């Protein structure tokens, strides 16, 4: 009988920011306090259960809209979701390894002197 091999997700983030880890811990704490499963929370927020898992493990960066739906489903507020989170995120400052997308803040340095045309077109 062949053994099952675990597939790796090539798009899965490899670096976790402290701010994401703290948010994930707080979300899990509030979810458990509300006696809700990830599946129940995901259903109420119209999200996928795996996305809730990614947020709780600090591997996803939810939008403000998503934070609002999570807070609503848990009968709390967005500031309460972020309670105790004192972490900040420094800009990547051109570090290739920290950029979120290929063109993030990289077009400014490529402009010719005197050129006002955007490279994002």
PDB file of N, CA and C in Angstrom:
ATOM      1  N   UNK A   1       0.843  -1.171   0.000  1.00  0.00           N
ATOM      2  CA  UNK A   1       0.000   0.000   0.000  1.00  0.00           C
ATOM      3  C   UNK A   1       0.893   1.240   0.000  1.00  0.00           C
ATOM      4  N   UNK A   2       0.652   2.163  -0.953  1.00  0.00           N
ATOM      5  CA  UNK A   2       1.498   3.357  -1.018  1.00  0.00           C
ATOM      6  C   UNK A   2       1.243   4.277   0.167  1.00  0.00           C
ATOM      7  N   UNK A   3       2.300   4.919   0.595  1.00  0.00           N
ATOM      8  CA  UNK A   3       2.166   5.855   1.709  1.00  0.00           C
ATOM      9  C   UNK A   3       1.765   7.224   1.175  1.00  0.00           C
ATOM     10  N   UNK A   4       0.947   7.900   1.936  1.00  0.00           N
ATOM     11  CA  UNK A   4       0.506   9.236   1.541  1.00  0.00           C
ATOM     12  C   UNK A   4       1.622  10.230   1.814  1.00  0.00           C
ATOM     13  N   UNK A   5       1.881  11.060   0.841  1.00  0.00           N
ATOM     14  CA  UNK A   5       2.883  12.097   1.036  1.00  0.00           C
ATOM     15  C   UNK A   5       2.170  13.413   1.281  1.00  0.00           C
ATOM     16  N   UNK A   6       2.701  14.162   2.197  1.00  0.00           N
ATOM     17  CA  UNK A   6       2.108  15.451   2.528  1.00  0.00           C
ATOM     18  C   UNK A   6       2.524  16.456   1.465  1.00  0.00           C
ATOM     19  N   UNK A   7       1.525  17.109   0.894  1.00  0.00           N
ATOM     20  CA  UNK A   7       1.806  18.120  -0.120  1.00  0.00           C
ATOM     21  C   UNK A   7       2.115  19.440   0.557  1.00  0.00           C
ATOM     22  N   UNK A   8       3.128  20.092   0.068  1.00  0.00           N
ATOM     23  CA  UNK A   8       3.443  21.404   0.627  1.00  0.00           C
ATOM     24  C   UNK A   8       2.777  22.466  -0.229  1.00  0.00           C
ATOM     25  N   UNK A   9       2.295  23.501   0.405  1.00  0.00           N
ATOM     26  CA  UNK A   9       1.654  24.590  -0.296  1.00  0.00           C
ATOM     27  C   UNK A   9       2.729  25.607  -0.666  1.00  0.00           C
ATOM     28  N   UNK A  10       3.013  25.778  -1.979  1.00  0.00           N
ATOM     29  CA  UNK A  10       4.071  26.707  -2.363  1.00  0.00           C
ATOM     30  C   UNK A  10       3.737  28.158  -2.056  1.00  0.00           C
ATOM     31  N   UNK A  11       2.449  28.470  -1.820  1.00  0.00           N
ATOM     32  CA  UNK A  11       2.068  29.838  -1.532  1.00  0.00           C
ATOM     33  C   UNK A  11       1.978  30.117  -0.040  1.00  0.00           C
ATOM     34  N   UNK A  12       2.172  29.123   0.782  1.00  0.00           N
ATOM     35  CA  UNK A  12       2.068  29.317   2.234  1.00  0.00           C
ATOM     36  C   UNK A  12       3.204  30.216   2.716  1.00  0.00           C
ATOM     37  N   UNK A  13       2.885  31.216   3.518  1.00  0.00           N
ATOM     38  CA  UNK A  13       3.928  32.103   4.034  1.00  0.00           C
ATOM     39  C   UNK A  13       4.905  31.342   4.918  1.00  0.00           C
ATOM     40  N   UNK A  14       6.156  31.747   4.842  1.00  0.00           N
ATOM     41  CA  UNK A  14       7.166  31.078   5.653  1.00  0.00           C
ATOM     42  C   UNK A  14       7.596  31.935   6.835  1.00  0.00           C
ATOM     43  N   UNK A  15       7.297  33.224   6.782  1.00  0.00           N
ATOM     44  CA  UNK A  15       7.711  34.136   7.841  1.00  0.00           C
ATOM     45  C   UNK A  15       6.474  34.674   8.551  1.00  0.00           C
ATOM     46  N   UNK A  16       6.477  34.595   9.866  1.00  0.00           N
ATOM     47  CA  UNK A  16       5.341  35.097  10.645  1.00  0.00           C
ATOM     48  C   UNK A  16       5.762  36.347  11.390  1.00  0.00           C
ATOM     49  N   UNK A  17       4.997  37.402  11.222  1.00  0.00           N
ATOM     50  CA  UNK A  17       5.265  38.661  11.921  1.00  0.00           C
ATOM     51  C   UNK A  17       4.682  38.588  13.329  1.00  0.00           C
ATOM     52  N   UNK A  18       5.336  39.170  14.320  1.00  0.00           N
ATOM     53  CA  UNK A  18       4.818  39.162  15.691  1.00  0.00           C
ATOM     54  C   UNK A  18       3.405  39.736  15.802  1.00  0.00           C
ATOM     55  N   UNK A  19       3.083  40.740  14.982  1.00  0.00           N
ATOM     56  CA  UNK A  19       1.750  41.338  15.038  1.00  0.00           C
ATOM     57  C   UNK A  19       0.690  40.319  14.606  1.00  0.00           C
ATOM     58  N   UNK A  20       1.007  39.485  13.612  1.00  0.00           N
ATOM     59  CA  UNK A  20       0.069  38.461  13.136  1.00  0.00           C
ATOM     60  C   UNK A  20      -0.079  37.333  14.150  1.00  0.00           C
ATOM     61  N   UNK A  21       1.021  36.982  14.791  1.00  0.00           N
ATOM     62  CA  UNK A  21       0.983  35.923  15.807  1.00  0.00           C
ATOM     63  C   UNK A  21       0.124  36.366  16.990  1.00  0.00           C
ATOM     64  N   UNK A  22       0.310  37.614  17.431  1.00  0.00           N
ATOM     65  CA  UNK A  22      -0.469  38.135  18.563  1.00  0.00           C
ATOM     66  C   UNK A  22      -1.955  38.204  18.219  1.00  0.00           C
ATOM     67  N   UNK A  23      -2.283  38.643  17.007  1.00  0.00           N
ATOM     68  CA  UNK A  23      -3.680  38.690  16.586  1.00  0.00           C
ATOM     69  C   UNK A  23      -4.277  37.289  16.569  1.00  0.00           C
ATOM     70  N   UNK A  24      -3.529  36.327  16.047  1.00  0.00           N
ATOM     71  CA  UNK A  24      -4.009  34.953  15.991  1.00  0.00           C
ATOM     72  C   UNK A  24      -4.291  34.360  17.361  1.00  0.00           C
ATOM     73  N   UNK A  25      -3.390  34.622  18.292  1.00  0.00           N
ATOM     74  CA  UNK A  25      -3.584  34.125  19.663  1.00  0.00           C
ATOM     75  C   UNK A  25      -4.827  34.744  20.285  1.00  0.00           C
ATOM     76  N   UNK A  26      -5.009  36.044  20.063  1.00  0.00           N
ATOM     77  CA  UNK A  26      -6.175  36.735  20.631  1.00  0.00           C
ATOM     78  C   UNK A  26      -7.473  36.225  20.003  1.00  0.00           C
ATOM     79  N   UNK A  27      -7.464  36.009  18.692  1.00  0.00           N
ATOM     80  CA  UNK A  27      -8.648  35.496  18.014  1.00  0.00           C
ATOM     81  C   UNK A  27      -9.018  34.113  18.546  1.00  0.00           C
ATOM     82  N   UNK A  28      -8.034  33.257  18.695  1.00  0.00           N
ATOM     83  CA  UNK A  28      -8.289  31.916  19.210  1.00  0.00           C
ATOM     84  C   UNK A  28      -8.828  31.980  20.642  1.00  0.00           C
ATOM     85  N   UNK A  29      -8.236  32.848  21.450  1.00  0.00           N
ATOM     86  CA  UNK A  29      -8.684  33.014  22.841  1.00  0.00           C
ATOM     87  C   UNK A  29     -10.161  33.429  22.894  1.00  0.00           C
ATOM     88  N   UNK A  30     -10.525  34.422  22.076  1.00  0.00           N
ATOM     89  CA  UNK A  30     -11.913  34.895  22.055  1.00  0.00           C
ATOM     90  C   UNK A  30     -12.866  33.842  21.481  1.00  0.00           C
ATOM     91  N   UNK A  31     -12.403  33.103  20.473  1.00  0.00           N
ATOM     92  CA  UNK A  31     -13.235  32.059  19.868  1.00  0.00           C
ATOM     93  C   UNK A  31     -13.526  30.947  20.868  1.00  0.00           C
ATOM     94  N   UNK A  32     -12.513  30.530  21.597  1.00  0.00           N
ATOM     95  CA  UNK A  32     -12.692  29.467  22.595  1.00  0.00           C
ATOM     96  C   UNK A  32     -13.568  29.968  23.750  1.00  0.00           C
ATOM     97  N   UNK A  33     -13.355  31.212  24.151  1.00  0.00           N
ATOM     98  CA  UNK A  33     -14.171  31.801  25.226  1.00  0.00           C
ATOM     99  C   UNK A  33     -15.647  31.845  24.819  1.00  0.00           C
ATOM    100  N   UNK A  34     -15.904  32.058  23.525  1.00  0.00           N
ATOM    101  CA  UNK A  34     -17.273  32.099  23.018  1.00  0.00           C
ATOM    102  C   UNK A  34     -17.807  30.692  22.726  1.00  0.00           C
ATOM    103  N   UNK A  35     -16.992  29.666  22.998  1.00  0.00           N
ATOM    104  CA  UNK A  35     -17.363  28.270  22.775  1.00  0.00           C
ATOM    105  C   UNK A  35     -17.758  28.019  21.325  1.00  0.00           C
ATOM    106  N   UNK A  36     -16.905  28.487  20.409  1.00  0.00           N
ATOM    107  CA  UNK A  36     -17.159  28.345  18.981  1.00  0.00           C
ATOM    108  C   UNK A  36     -16.031  27.551  18.353  1.00  0.00           C
ATOM    109  N   UNK A  37     -16.362  26.747  17.366  1.00  0.00           N
ATOM    110  CA  UNK A  37     -15.336  26.033  16.597  1.00  0.00           C
ATOM    111  C   UNK A  37     -14.894  26.936  15.444  1.00  0.00           C
ATOM    112  N   UNK A  38     -13.780  26.600  14.830  1.00  0.00           N
ATOM    113  CA  UNK A  38     -13.321  27.353  13.662  1.00  0.00           C
ATOM    114  C   UNK A  38     -14.365  27.289  12.550  1.00  0.00           C
ATOM    115  N   UNK A  39     -14.988  26.133  12.390  1.00  0.00           N
ATOM    116  CA  UNK A  39     -15.998  25.948  11.347  1.00  0.00           C
ATOM    117  C   UNK A  39     -17.202  26.852  11.590  1.00  0.00           C
ATOM    118  N   UNK A  40     -17.676  26.916  12.831  1.00  0.00           N
ATOM    119  CA  UNK A  40     -18.817  27.770  13.154  1.00  0.00           C
ATOM    120  C   UNK A  40     -18.496  29.244  12.926  1.00  0.00           C
ATOM    121  N   UNK A  41     -17.308  29.657  13.372  1.00  0.00           N
ATOM    122  CA  UNK A  41     -16.901  31.041  13.193  1.00  0.00           C
ATOM    123  C   UNK A  41     -16.771  31.376  11.711  1.00  0.00           C
ATOM    124  N   UNK A  42     -16.164  30.481  10.969  1.00  0.00           N
ATOM    125  CA  UNK A  42     -15.986  30.698   9.533  1.00  0.00           C
ATOM    126  C   UNK A  42     -17.337  30.819   8.832  1.00  0.00           C
ATOM    127  N   UNK A  43     -18.294  29.967   9.197  1.00  0.00           N
ATOM    128  CA  UNK A  43     -19.620  30.011   8.594  1.00  0.00           C
ATOM    129  C   UNK A  43     -20.286  31.359   8.851  1.00  0.00           C
ATOM    130  N   UNK A  44     -20.225  31.831  10.093  1.00  0.00           N
ATOM    131  CA  UNK A  44     -20.844  33.112  10.446  1.00  0.00           C
ATOM    132  C   UNK A  44     -20.176  34.297   9.746  1.00  0.00           C
ATOM    133  N   UNK A  45     -18.897  34.170   9.451  1.00  0.00           N
ATOM    134  CA  UNK A  45     -18.148  35.259   8.807  1.00  0.00           C
ATOM    135  C   UNK A  45     -18.100  35.115   7.290  1.00  0.00           C
ATOM    136  N   UNK A  46     -18.676  34.037   6.774  1.00  0.00           N
ATOM    137  CA  UNK A  46     -18.631  33.736   5.342  1.00  0.00           C
ATOM    138  C   UNK A  46     -17.182  33.621   4.845  1.00  0.00           C
ATOM    139  N   UNK A  47     -16.379  32.927   5.650  1.00  0.00           N
ATOM    140  CA  UNK A  47     -14.980  32.663   5.320  1.00  0.00           C
ATOM    141  C   UNK A  47     -14.763  31.159   5.295  1.00  0.00           C
ATOM    142  N   UNK A  48     -13.621  30.740   4.818  1.00  0.00           N
ATOM    143  CA  UNK A  48     -13.272  29.333   4.840  1.00  0.00           C
ATOM    144  C   UNK A  48     -12.653  28.981   6.186  1.00  0.00           C
ATOM    145  N   UNK A  49     -12.920  27.790   6.678  1.00  0.00           N
ATOM    146  CA  UNK A  49     -12.370  27.366   7.966  1.00  0.00           C
ATOM    147  C   UNK A  49     -10.848  27.403   7.948  1.00  0.00           C
ATOM    148  N   UNK A  50     -10.250  27.055   6.822  1.00  0.00           N
ATOM    149  CA  UNK A  50      -8.785  27.043   6.757  1.00  0.00           C
ATOM    150  C   UNK A  50      -8.205  28.456   6.887  1.00  0.00           C
ATOM    151  N   UNK A  51      -8.974  29.464   6.449  1.00  0.00           N
ATOM    152  CA  UNK A  51      -8.504  30.842   6.594  1.00  0.00           C
ATOM    153  C   UNK A  51      -8.491  31.248   8.073  1.00  0.00           C
ATOM    154  N   UNK A  52      -9.513  30.812   8.819  1.00  0.00           N
ATOM    155  CA  UNK A  52      -9.540  31.072  10.262  1.00  0.00           C
ATOM    156  C   UNK A  52      -8.309  30.432  10.902  1.00  0.00           C
ATOM    157  N   UNK A  53      -7.990  29.221  10.486  1.00  0.00           N
ATOM    158  CA  UNK A  53      -6.815  28.519  11.000  1.00  0.00           C
ATOM    159  C   UNK A  53      -5.532  29.286  10.676  1.00  0.00           C
ATOM    160  N   UNK A  54      -5.420  29.783   9.447  1.00  0.00           N
ATOM    161  CA  UNK A  54      -4.235  30.548   9.055  1.00  0.00           C
ATOM    162  C   UNK A  54      -4.083  31.813   9.899  1.00  0.00           C
ATOM    163  N   UNK A  55      -5.204  32.490  10.150  1.00  0.00           N
ATOM    164  CA  UNK A  55      -5.152  33.703  10.977  1.00  0.00           C
ATOM    165  C   UNK A  55      -4.699  33.349  12.389  1.00  0.00           C
ATOM    166  N   UNK A  56      -5.283  32.296  12.951  1.00  0.00           N
ATOM    167  CA  UNK A  56      -4.947  31.907  14.332  1.00  0.00           C
ATOM    168  C   UNK A  56      -3.490  31.477  14.467  1.00  0.00           C
ATOM    169  N   UNK A  57      -2.898  30.963  13.409  1.00  0.00           N
ATOM    170  CA  UNK A  57      -1.494  30.551  13.462  1.00  0.00           C
ATOM    171  C   UNK A  57      -0.547  31.668  13.047  1.00  0.00           C
ATOM    172  N   UNK A  58      -1.082  32.848  12.746  1.00  0.00           N
ATOM    173  CA  UNK A  58      -0.238  33.985  12.369  1.00  0.00           C
ATOM    174  C   UNK A  58       0.291  33.908  10.967  1.00  0.00           C
ATOM    175  N   UNK A  59      -0.354  33.128  10.100  1.00  0.00           N
ATOM    176  CA  UNK A  59       0.121  32.949   8.736  1.00  0.00           C
ATOM    177  C   UNK A  59      -0.675  33.740   7.710  1.00  0.00           C
ATOM    178  N   UNK A  60      -1.697  34.459   8.158  1.00  0.00           N
ATOM    179  CA  UNK A  60      -2.496  35.280   7.255  1.00  0.00           C
ATOM    180  C   UNK A  60      -2.645  36.664   7.861  1.00  0.00           C
ATOM    181  N   UNK A  61      -2.791  37.647   6.990  1.00  0.00           N
ATOM    182  CA  UNK A  61      -2.990  39.020   7.417  1.00  0.00           C
ATOM    183  C   UNK A  61      -4.379  39.452   6.965  1.00  0.00           C
ATOM    184  N   UNK A  62      -5.376  39.304   7.836  1.00  0.00           N
ATOM    185  CA  UNK A  62      -6.742  39.616   7.436  1.00  0.00           C
ATOM    186  C   UNK A  62      -6.944  41.113   7.208  1.00  0.00           C
ATOM    187  N   UNK A  63      -7.857  41.429   6.297  1.00  0.00           N
ATOM    188  CA  UNK A  63      -8.187  42.828   6.024  1.00  0.00           C
ATOM    189  C   UNK A  63      -9.009  43.394   7.175  1.00  0.00           C
ATOM    190  N   UNK A  64      -9.172  44.703   7.161  1.00  0.00           N
ATOM    191  CA  UNK A  64      -9.994  45.355   8.168  1.00  0.00           C
ATOM    192  C   UNK A  64     -11.436  44.860   8.066  1.00  0.00           C
ATOM    193  N   UNK A  65     -11.904  44.619   6.861  1.00  0.00           N
ATOM    194  CA  UNK A  65     -13.249  44.086   6.647  1.00  0.00           C
ATOM    195  C   UNK A  65     -13.387  42.721   7.334  1.00  0.00           C
ATOM    196  N   UNK A  66     -12.403  41.870   7.145  1.00  0.00           N
ATOM    197  CA  UNK A  66     -12.430  40.543   7.762  1.00  0.00           C
ATOM    198  C   UNK A  66     -12.393  40.650   9.281  1.00  0.00           C
ATOM    199  N   UNK A  67     -11.562  41.549   9.808  1.00  0.00           N
ATOM    200  CA  UNK A  67     -11.520  41.754  11.256  1.00  0.00           C
ATOM    201  C   UNK A  67     -12.882  42.211  11.778  1.00  0.00           C
ATOM    202  N   UNK A  68     -13.559  43.050  11.004  1.00  0.00           N
ATOM    203  CA  UNK A  68     -14.889  43.504  11.391  1.00  0.00           C
ATOM    204  C   UNK A  68     -15.896  42.369  11.441  1.00  0.00           C
ATOM    205  N   UNK A  69     -15.846  41.468  10.457  1.00  0.00           N
ATOM    206  CA  UNK A  69     -16.786  40.340  10.462  1.00  0.00           C
ATOM    207  C   UNK A  69     -16.465  39.364  11.588  1.00  0.00           C
ATOM    208  N   UNK A  70     -15.187  39.179  11.878  1.00  0.00           N
ATOM    209  CA  UNK A  70     -14.800  38.309  12.993  1.00  0.00           C
ATOM    210  C   UNK A  70     -15.283  38.892  14.310  1.00  0.00           C
ATOM    211  N   UNK A  71     -15.089  40.194  14.487  1.00  0.00           N
ATOM    212  CA  UNK A  71     -15.531  40.856  15.720  1.00  0.00           C
ATOM    213  C   UNK A  71     -17.051  40.749  15.869  1.00  0.00           C
ATOM    214  N   UNK A  72     -17.779  40.970  14.792  1.00  0.00           N
ATOM    215  CA  UNK A  72     -19.240  40.877  14.835  1.00  0.00           C
ATOM    216  C   UNK A  72     -19.683  39.470  15.222  1.00  0.00           C
ATOM    217  N   UNK A  73     -19.076  38.456  14.601  1.00  0.00           N
ATOM    218  CA  UNK A  73     -19.448  37.064  14.878  1.00  0.00           C
ATOM    219  C   UNK A  73     -19.127  36.669  16.317  1.00  0.00           C
ATOM    220  N   UNK A  74     -18.086  37.273  16.891  1.00  0.00           N
ATOM    221  CA  UNK A  74     -17.703  36.963  18.272  1.00  0.00           C
ATOM    222  C   UNK A  74     -18.333  37.927  19.277  1.00  0.00           C
ATOM    223  N   UNK A  75     -19.215  38.807  18.777  1.00  0.00           N
ATOM    224  CA  UNK A  75     -19.915  39.781  19.627  1.00  0.00           C
ATOM    225  C   UNK A  75     -18.929  40.639  20.422  1.00  0.00           C
ATOM    226  N   UNK A  76     -17.942  41.161  19.696  1.00  0.00           N
ATOM    227  CA  UNK A  76     -16.935  42.027  20.302  1.00  0.00           C
ATOM    228  C   UNK A  76     -16.634  43.155  19.326  1.00  0.00           C
ATOM    229  N   UNK A  77     -15.536  43.842  19.516  1.00  0.00           N
ATOM    230  CA  UNK A  77     -15.149  44.949  18.640  1.00  0.00           C
ATOM    231  C   UNK A  77     -13.776  44.674  18.039  1.00  0.00           C
ATOM    232  N   UNK A  78     -13.452  45.406  16.972  1.00  0.00           N
ATOM    233  CA  UNK A  78     -12.127  45.257  16.361  1.00  0.00           C
ATOM    234  C   UNK A  78     -11.025  45.650  17.351  1.00  0.00           C
ATOM    235  N   UNK A  79     -11.175  46.766  18.093  1.00  0.00           N
ATOM    236  CA  UNK A  79     -10.130  47.075  19.091  1.00  0.00           C
ATOM    237  C   UNK A  79      -9.941  45.955  20.120  1.00  0.00           C
ATOM    238  N   UNK A  80     -11.033  45.276  20.472  1.00  0.00           N
ATOM    239  CA  UNK A  80     -10.918  44.166  21.420  1.00  0.00           C
ATOM    240  C   UNK A  80     -10.133  43.006  20.804  1.00  0.00           C
ATOM    241  N   UNK A  81     -10.281  42.797  19.490  1.00  0.00           N
ATOM    242  CA  UNK A  81      -9.488  41.759  18.814  1.00  0.00           C
ATOM    243  C   UNK A  81      -7.994  42.090  18.889  1.00  0.00           C
ATOM    244  N   UNK A  82      -7.689  43.384  18.862  1.00  0.00           N
ATOM    245  CA  UNK A  82      -6.289  43.823  18.863  1.00  0.00           C
ATOM    246  C   UNK A  82      -5.771  44.155  20.261  1.00  0.00           C
ATOM    247  N   UNK A  83      -6.590  43.927  21.274  1.00  0.00           N
ATOM    248  CA  UNK A  83      -6.218  44.263  22.654  1.00  0.00           C
ATOM    249  C   UNK A  83      -4.895  43.606  23.044  1.00  0.00           C
ATOM    250  N   UNK A  84      -4.020  44.405  23.613  1.00  0.00           N
ATOM    251  CA  UNK A  84      -2.737  43.895  24.084  1.00  0.00           C
ATOM    252  C   UNK A  84      -1.686  43.751  22.997  1.00  0.00           C
ATOM    253  N   UNK A  85      -2.060  44.021  21.763  1.00  0.00           N
ATOM    254  CA  UNK A  85      -1.113  43.887  20.655  1.00  0.00           C
ATOM    255  C   UNK A  85      -0.348  45.196  20.509  1.00  0.00           C
ATOM    256  N   UNK A  86       0.910  45.181  20.913  1.00  0.00           N
ATOM    257  CA  UNK A  86       1.733  46.389  20.873  1.00  0.00           C
ATOM    258  C   UNK A  86       2.777  46.349  19.758  1.00  0.00           C
ATOM    259  N   UNK A  87       2.698  45.333  18.908  1.00  0.00           N
ATOM    260  CA  UNK A  87       3.683  45.181  17.838  1.00  0.00           C
ATOM    261  C   UNK A  87       3.421  46.162  16.703  1.00  0.00           C
ATOM    262  N   UNK A  88       4.479  46.567  16.052  1.00  0.00           N
ATOM    263  CA  UNK A  88       4.394  47.407  14.856  1.00  0.00           C
ATOM    264  C   UNK A  88       5.148  46.704  13.737  1.00  0.00           C
ATOM    265  N   UNK A  89       4.883  47.123  12.512  1.00  0.00           N
ATOM    266  CA  UNK A  89       5.544  46.517  11.363  1.00  0.00           C
ATOM    267  C   UNK A  89       6.310  47.603  10.624  1.00  0.00           C
ATOM    268  N   UNK A  90       7.611  47.398  10.506  1.00  0.00           N
ATOM    269  CA  UNK A  90       8.440  48.355   9.777  1.00  0.00           C
ATOM    270  C   UNK A  90       8.246  48.169   8.278  1.00  0.00           C
ATOM    271  N   UNK A  91       8.300  49.258   7.495  1.00  0.00           N
ATOM    272  CA  UNK A  91       8.244  49.113   6.047  1.00  0.00           C
ATOM    273  C   UNK A  91       9.427  48.288   5.563  1.00  0.00           C
ATOM    274  N   UNK A  92       9.291  47.669   4.415  1.00  0.00           N
ATOM    275  CA  UNK A  92      10.339  46.772   3.919  1.00  0.00           C
ATOM    276  C   UNK A  92      11.593  47.518   3.496  1.00  0.00           C
ATOM    277  N   UNK A  93      11.481  48.812   3.200  1.00  0.00           N
ATOM    278  CA  UNK A  93      12.620  49.640   2.790  1.00  0.00           C
ATOM    279  C   UNK A  93      13.408  49.007   1.642  1.00  0.00           C
ATOM    280  N   UNK A  94      12.714  48.376   0.728  1.00  0.00           N
ATOM    281  CA  UNK A  94      13.348  47.822  -0.458  1.00  0.00           C
ATOM    282  C   UNK A  94      13.904  46.423  -0.300  1.00  0.00           C
ATOM    283  N   UNK A  95      13.828  45.852   0.890  1.00  0.00           N
ATOM    284  CA  UNK A  95      14.307  44.476   1.074  1.00  0.00           C
ATOM    285  C   UNK A  95      13.474  43.538   0.230  1.00  0.00           C
ATOM    286  N   UNK A  96      14.095  42.836  -0.690  1.00  0.00           N
ATOM    287  CA  UNK A  96      13.362  41.930  -1.575  1.00  0.00           C
ATOM    288  C   UNK A  96      12.642  40.838  -0.796  1.00  0.00           C
ATOM    289  N   UNK A  97      13.226  40.348   0.289  1.00  0.00           N
ATOM    290  CA  UNK A  97      12.645  39.244   1.043  1.00  0.00           C
ATOM    291  C   UNK A  97      11.407  39.662   1.830  1.00  0.00           C
ATOM    292  N   UNK A  98      11.215  40.950   2.065  1.00  0.00           N
ATOM    293  CA  UNK A  98      10.089  41.412   2.881  1.00  0.00           C
ATOM    294  C   UNK A  98       8.971  42.031   2.052  1.00  0.00           C
ATOM    295  N   UNK A  99       9.148  42.149   0.750  1.00  0.00           N
ATOM    296  CA  UNK A  99       8.115  42.742  -0.080  1.00  0.00           C
ATOM    297  C   UNK A  99       6.923  41.815  -0.179  1.00  0.00           C
ATOM    298  N   UNK A 100       5.740  42.408  -0.158  1.00  0.00           N
ATOM    299  CA  UNK A 100       4.522  41.616  -0.256  1.00  0.00           C
ATOM    300  C   UNK A 100       4.178  41.309  -1.707  1.00  0.00           C
ATOM    301  N   UNK A 101       4.616  42.129  -2.629  1.00  0.00           N
ATOM    302  CA  UNK A 101       4.361  41.888  -4.048  1.00  0.00           C
ATOM    303  C   UNK A 101       5.517  42.481  -4.843  1.00  0.00           C
ATOM    304  N   UNK A 102       5.638  42.081  -6.075  1.00  0.00           N
ATOM    305  CA  UNK A 102       6.792  42.444  -6.885  1.00  0.00           C
ATOM    306  C   UNK A 102       6.937  43.945  -7.059  1.00  0.00           C
ATOM    307  N   UNK A 103       5.846  44.685  -7.203  1.00  0.00           N
ATOM    308  CA  UNK A 103       5.968  46.109  -7.492  1.00  0.00           C
ATOM    309  C   UNK A 103       5.790  46.996  -6.271  1.00  0.00           C
ATOM    310  N   UNK A 104       5.763  46.432  -5.099  1.00  0.00           N
ATOM    311  CA  UNK A 104       5.549  47.240  -3.892  1.00  0.00           C
ATOM    312  C   UNK A 104       6.683  48.222  -3.681  1.00  0.00           C
ATOM    313  N   UNK A 105       6.355  49.471  -3.730  1.00  0.00           N
ATOM    314  CA  UNK A 105       7.289  50.559  -3.425  1.00  0.00           C
ATOM    315  C   UNK A 105       8.612  50.435  -4.154  1.00  0.00           C
ATOM    316  N   UNK A 106       8.618  49.740  -5.278  1.00  0.00           N
ATOM    317  CA  UNK A 106       9.880  49.596  -6.000  1.00  0.00           C
ATOM    318  C   UNK A 106       9.927  50.482  -7.237  1.00  0.00           C
ATOM    319  N   UNK A 107       8.795  51.067  -7.613  1.00  0.00           N
ATOM    320  CA  UNK A 107       8.759  51.861  -8.833  1.00  0.00           C
ATOM    321  C   UNK A 107       9.447  53.217  -8.683  1.00  0.00           C
ATOM    322  N   UNK A 108       9.507  53.761  -7.483  1.00  0.00           N
ATOM    323  CA  UNK A 108      10.102  55.075  -7.313  1.00  0.00           C
ATOM    324  C   UNK A 108      11.571  55.112  -7.708  1.00  0.00           C
ATOM    325  N   UNK A 109      12.309  54.099  -7.318  1.00  0.00           N
ATOM    326  CA  UNK A 109      13.744  54.114  -7.602  1.00  0.00           C
ATOM    327  C   UNK A 109      14.040  53.843  -9.073  1.00  0.00           C
ATOM    328  N   UNK A 110      13.086  53.314  -9.838  1.00  0.00           N
ATOM    329  CA  UNK A 110      13.308  53.004 -11.248  1.00  0.00           C
ATOM    330  C   UNK A 110      12.975  54.174 -12.169  1.00  0.00           C
ATOM    331  N   UNK A 111      12.332  55.215 -11.636  1.00  0.00           N
ATOM    332  CA  UNK A 111      11.970  56.350 -12.470  1.00  0.00           C
ATOM    333  C   UNK A 111      13.213  57.123 -12.876  1.00  0.00           C
ATOM    334  N   UNK A 112      13.216  57.517 -14.141  1.00  0.00           N
ATOM    335  CA  UNK A 112      14.319  58.348 -14.607  1.00  0.00           C
ATOM    336  C   UNK A 112      14.179  59.729 -13.985  1.00  0.00           C
ATOM    337  N   UNK A 113      15.285  60.415 -13.832  1.00  0.00           N
ATOM    338  CA  UNK A 113      15.251  61.743 -13.235  1.00  0.00           C
ATOM    339  C   UNK A 113      14.396  62.633 -14.131  1.00  0.00           C
ATOM    340  N   UNK A 114      13.433  63.297 -13.534  1.00  0.00           N
ATOM    341  CA  UNK A 114      12.543  64.170 -14.286  1.00  0.00           C
ATOM    342  C   UNK A 114      11.332  63.448 -14.858  1.00  0.00           C
ATOM    343  N   UNK A 115      11.293  62.141 -14.765  1.00  0.00           N
ATOM    344  CA  UNK A 115      10.153  61.386 -15.286  1.00  0.00           C
ATOM    345  C   UNK A 115       9.040  61.373 -14.254  1.00  0.00           C
ATOM    346  N   UNK A 116       7.837  61.679 -14.716  1.00  0.00           N
ATOM    347  CA  UNK A 116       6.696  61.683 -13.802  1.00  0.00           C
ATOM    348  C   UNK A 116       5.735  60.557 -14.136  1.00  0.00           C
ATOM    349  N   UNK A 117       6.057  59.743 -15.081  1.00  0.00           N
ATOM    350  CA  UNK A 117       5.158  58.684 -15.507  1.00  0.00           C
ATOM    351  C   UNK A 117       5.231  57.490 -14.536  1.00  0.00           C
ATOM    352  N   UNK A 118       4.094  57.003 -14.162  1.00  0.00           N
ATOM    353  CA  UNK A 118       4.025  55.878 -13.228  1.00  0.00           C
ATOM    354  C   UNK A 118       4.461  54.592 -13.903  1.00  0.00           C
ATOM    355  N   UNK A 119       5.214  53.783 -13.197  1.00  0.00           N
ATOM    356  CA  UNK A 119       5.632  52.477 -13.703  1.00  0.00           C
ATOM    357  C   UNK A 119       4.592  51.400 -13.429  1.00  0.00           C
ATOM    358  N   UNK A 120       3.498  51.762 -12.759  1.00  0.00           N
ATOM    359  CA  UNK A 120       2.481  50.773 -12.389  1.00  0.00           C
ATOM    360  C   UNK A 120       1.407  50.619 -13.448  1.00  0.00           C
ATOM    361  N   UNK A 121       1.526  51.282 -14.577  1.00  0.00           N
ATOM    362  CA  UNK A 121       0.507  51.162 -15.631  1.00  0.00           C
ATOM    363  C   UNK A 121       0.635  49.874 -16.370  1.00  0.00           C
TER     364      UNK A 121
END
